[in-house]
Amino acid sequence: MNPNAYPFTTRRQIVERVESDPSFAGECIAILQDRHDRRAAAAGESMGWMASHASTATKLAARLASGEATEKDRAEAAKLAGRYSKQLARVFRERELAARPELGAQAAVFGVGSGGEAQPTPGTRTPGKSEEQPAPAKRRGRPKGSKNKPGEAPKPSGRRSRR
């Protein structure tokens, strides 16, 4: 457990462990590859490789899974997994919550996970607001007073034009 009473695996802990333990780095690469594959299949999933890393990381994950990875591949895996520590922290937190549901209350304290309590969704209305007032319509087009506006732009205040 951390000194600040945060019960879950932190990003810093993941980065430190990835740098020191090549087998953990391989596990992290496998997790990220699985998330990337699920993202391609499901529209709502937003975890996995960034587009710039996808092709390299997919090949690297295949080499690590088959056991054909060189020492250079393992070093690259550690470097790559460290960049995705935020996603990995979320995955490990979800696993810890699934294994120990009593952590749900602590998760709510730190604002992570579902926390065991129903959190309000952004689409719900607060009881004090009037439902008769619609939201103001957004202005379309160029901003008022734009210099690119056809015709005459507003004159600066306090000055006369020389004509």
Protein backbone atom coordinates (compact mmCIF):
# COMPACT_ATOMS: atom_id res chain seq x y z
CA MET A 1 0.00 0.00 0.00
CA ASN A 2 1.18 3.52 -0.68
CA PRO A 3 1.95 6.01 2.07
CA ASN A 4 -1.00 8.17 0.95
CA ALA A 5 -3.36 5.21 1.50
CA TYR A 6 -4.03 4.77 -2.24
CA PRO A 7 -4.76 1.02 -2.39
CA PHE A 8 -4.18 0.47 -6.11
CA THR A 9 -1.13 0.05 -8.30
CA THR A 10 0.10 3.48 -9.37
CA ARG A 11 1.63 4.61 -12.65
CA ARG A 12 4.99 5.13 -10.97
CA GLN A 13 4.97 1.60 -9.55
CA ILE A 14 4.17 0.21 -12.98
CA VAL A 15 7.00 2.16 -14.65
CA GLU A 16 9.50 1.06 -11.99
CA ARG A 17 8.44 -2.57 -12.27
CA VAL A 18 8.47 -2.53 -16.09
CA GLU A 19 12.03 -1.18 -16.05
CA SER A 20 13.24 -3.80 -13.58
CA ASP A 21 11.25 -6.91 -14.58
CA PRO A 22 11.27 -7.98 -18.27
CA SER A 23 8.58 -10.63 -17.72
CA PHE A 24 6.23 -7.96 -16.29
CA ALA A 25 6.95 -5.77 -19.33
CA GLY A 26 5.95 -8.71 -21.54
CA GLU A 27 2.74 -9.14 -19.56
CA CYS A 28 1.97 -5.43 -19.98
CA ILE A 29 2.58 -5.64 -23.74
CA ALA A 30 0.18 -8.62 -23.91
CA ILE A 31 -2.47 -6.65 -21.98
CA LEU A 32 -2.14 -3.65 -24.28
CA GLN A 33 -2.23 -5.83 -27.40
CA ASP A 34 -5.40 -7.52 -26.14
CA ARG A 35 -6.97 -4.12 -25.52
CA HIS A 36 -5.93 -2.96 -28.99
CA ASP A 37 -7.51 -6.04 -30.58
CA ARG A 38 -10.73 -5.50 -28.62
CA ARG A 39 -10.82 -1.86 -29.68
CA ALA A 40 -10.79 -2.92 -33.33
CA ALA A 41 -13.75 -5.25 -32.67
CA ALA A 42 -15.84 -3.00 -30.38
CA ALA A 43 -16.64 0.64 -30.98
CA GLY A 44 -16.70 1.73 -27.32
CA GLU A 45 -13.23 0.54 -26.35
CA SER A 46 -10.61 3.29 -26.38
CA MET A 47 -7.57 1.56 -24.93
CA GLY A 48 -4.60 -0.01 -26.63
CA TRP A 49 -1.86 1.23 -28.91
CA MET A 50 -1.77 4.68 -30.42
CA ALA A 51 -1.82 4.65 -34.22
CA SER A 52 1.85 5.62 -34.36
CA HIS A 53 2.83 2.58 -32.26
CA ALA A 54 0.28 0.04 -33.51
CA SER A 55 2.22 -1.76 -36.23
CA THR A 56 5.53 -1.89 -34.35
CA ALA A 57 3.87 -2.87 -31.08
CA THR A 58 1.77 -5.60 -32.70
CA LYS A 59 4.88 -7.21 -34.21
CA LEU A 60 6.73 -6.86 -30.91
CA ALA A 61 3.83 -8.44 -29.00
CA ALA A 62 3.82 -11.38 -31.43
CA ARG A 63 7.59 -11.92 -30.96
CA LEU A 64 7.26 -11.74 -27.18
CA ALA A 65 4.31 -14.17 -27.16
CA SER A 66 6.12 -16.70 -29.33
CA GLY A 67 9.30 -16.51 -27.25
CA GLU A 68 11.43 -15.31 -30.18
CA ALA A 69 12.16 -11.89 -28.65
CA THR A 70 15.74 -10.68 -28.50
CA GLU A 71 17.24 -8.59 -25.73
CA LYS A 72 16.67 -5.52 -27.91
CA ASP A 73 12.99 -6.46 -28.23
CA ARG A 74 12.66 -6.78 -24.47
CA ALA A 75 14.23 -3.34 -23.97
CA GLU A 76 11.87 -1.86 -26.56
CA ALA A 77 8.92 -3.57 -24.83
CA ALA A 78 9.90 -2.03 -21.49
CA LYS A 79 10.20 1.42 -23.06
CA LEU A 80 6.88 1.06 -24.88
CA ALA A 81 4.99 -0.32 -21.87
CA GLY A 82 6.23 2.58 -19.75
CA ARG A 83 4.54 5.05 -22.10
CA TYR A 84 1.18 3.35 -21.49
CA SER A 85 1.41 3.33 -17.68
CA LYS A 86 -1.88 5.23 -17.30
CA GLN A 87 -3.83 2.60 -19.25
CA LEU A 88 -2.03 -0.18 -17.40
CA ALA A 89 -2.81 1.41 -14.02
CA ARG A 90 -6.48 1.42 -15.01
CA VAL A 91 -6.36 -2.25 -16.02
CA PHE A 92 -4.66 -3.30 -12.78
CA ARG A 93 -7.09 -1.17 -10.73
CA GLU A 94 -10.05 -2.88 -12.43
CA ARG A 95 -8.52 -6.27 -11.66
CA GLU A 96 -7.91 -5.33 -8.03
CA LEU A 97 -11.50 -4.08 -7.68
CA ALA A 98 -12.82 -7.31 -9.19
CA ALA A 99 -10.70 -9.41 -6.83
CA ARG A 100 -11.45 -7.32 -3.73
CA PRO A 101 -14.85 -5.58 -3.96
CA GLU A 102 -14.35 -4.02 -0.51
CA LEU A 103 -11.91 -1.60 -2.18
CA GLY A 104 -14.89 0.04 -3.90
CA ALA A 105 -15.40 2.51 -1.06
CA GLN A 106 -11.76 3.58 -1.21
CA ALA A 107 -12.00 3.89 -4.97
CA ALA A 108 -14.87 6.34 -4.48
CA VAL A 109 -12.73 8.40 -2.09
CA PHE A 110 -10.04 8.74 -4.75
CA GLY A 111 -12.53 9.25 -7.59
CA VAL A 112 -11.58 6.15 -9.55
CA GLY A 113 -13.70 3.21 -10.67
CA SER A 114 -17.36 2.91 -9.86
CA GLY A 115 -16.63 3.09 -6.14
CA GLY A 116 -19.58 0.89 -5.18
CA GLU A 117 -21.87 3.93 -5.18
CA ALA A 118 -23.90 5.23 -8.08
CA GLN A 119 -22.12 8.29 -9.41
CA PRO A 120 -24.24 10.84 -11.25
CA THR A 121 -24.02 10.67 -14.99
CA PRO A 122 -23.34 13.81 -16.98
CA GLY A 123 -26.74 13.60 -18.69
CA THR A 124 -28.80 13.81 -15.50
CA ARG A 125 -30.42 17.08 -14.51
CA THR A 126 -30.07 18.69 -11.14
CA PRO A 127 -33.38 19.20 -9.29
CA GLY A 128 -33.04 23.00 -8.94
CA LYS A 129 -32.90 23.86 -12.65
CA SER A 130 -35.96 24.86 -14.57
CA GLU A 131 -36.74 22.65 -17.52
CA GLU A 132 -38.66 25.38 -19.36
CA GLN A 133 -35.57 27.36 -20.31
CA PRO A 134 -33.83 25.85 -23.31
CA ALA A 135 -30.10 26.18 -23.68
CA PRO A 136 -29.07 29.29 -25.63
CA ALA A 137 -28.45 28.65 -29.31
CA LYS A 138 -24.83 28.79 -30.42
CA ARG A 139 -23.90 31.56 -32.79
CA ARG A 140 -22.99 30.26 -36.21
CA GLY A 141 -20.52 31.78 -38.62
CA ARG A 142 -17.80 34.30 -37.99
CA PRO A 143 -17.48 36.03 -34.65
CA LYS A 144 -19.08 39.41 -34.28
CA GLY A 145 -16.71 42.16 -35.39
CA SER A 146 -14.45 39.85 -37.36
CA LYS A 147 -11.98 41.60 -39.64
CA ASN A 148 -12.60 38.99 -42.31
CA LYS A 149 -16.25 39.89 -42.43
CA PRO A 150 -17.31 41.28 -45.79
CA GLY A 151 -18.18 44.93 -45.68
CA GLU A 152 -16.99 47.39 -43.12
CA ALA A 153 -15.27 46.28 -39.92
CA PRO A 154 -16.07 48.15 -36.70
CA LYS A 155 -13.95 51.25 -36.19
CA PRO A 156 -11.72 51.51 -33.15
CA SER A 157 -13.27 53.59 -30.42
CA GLY A 158 -11.93 57.12 -29.85
CA ARG A 159 -10.40 57.57 -33.28
CA ARG A 160 -11.66 59.22 -36.42
CA SER A 161 -11.12 57.75 -39.81
CA ARG A 162 -9.18 59.79 -42.37
CA ARG A 163 -11.19 60.04 -45.54
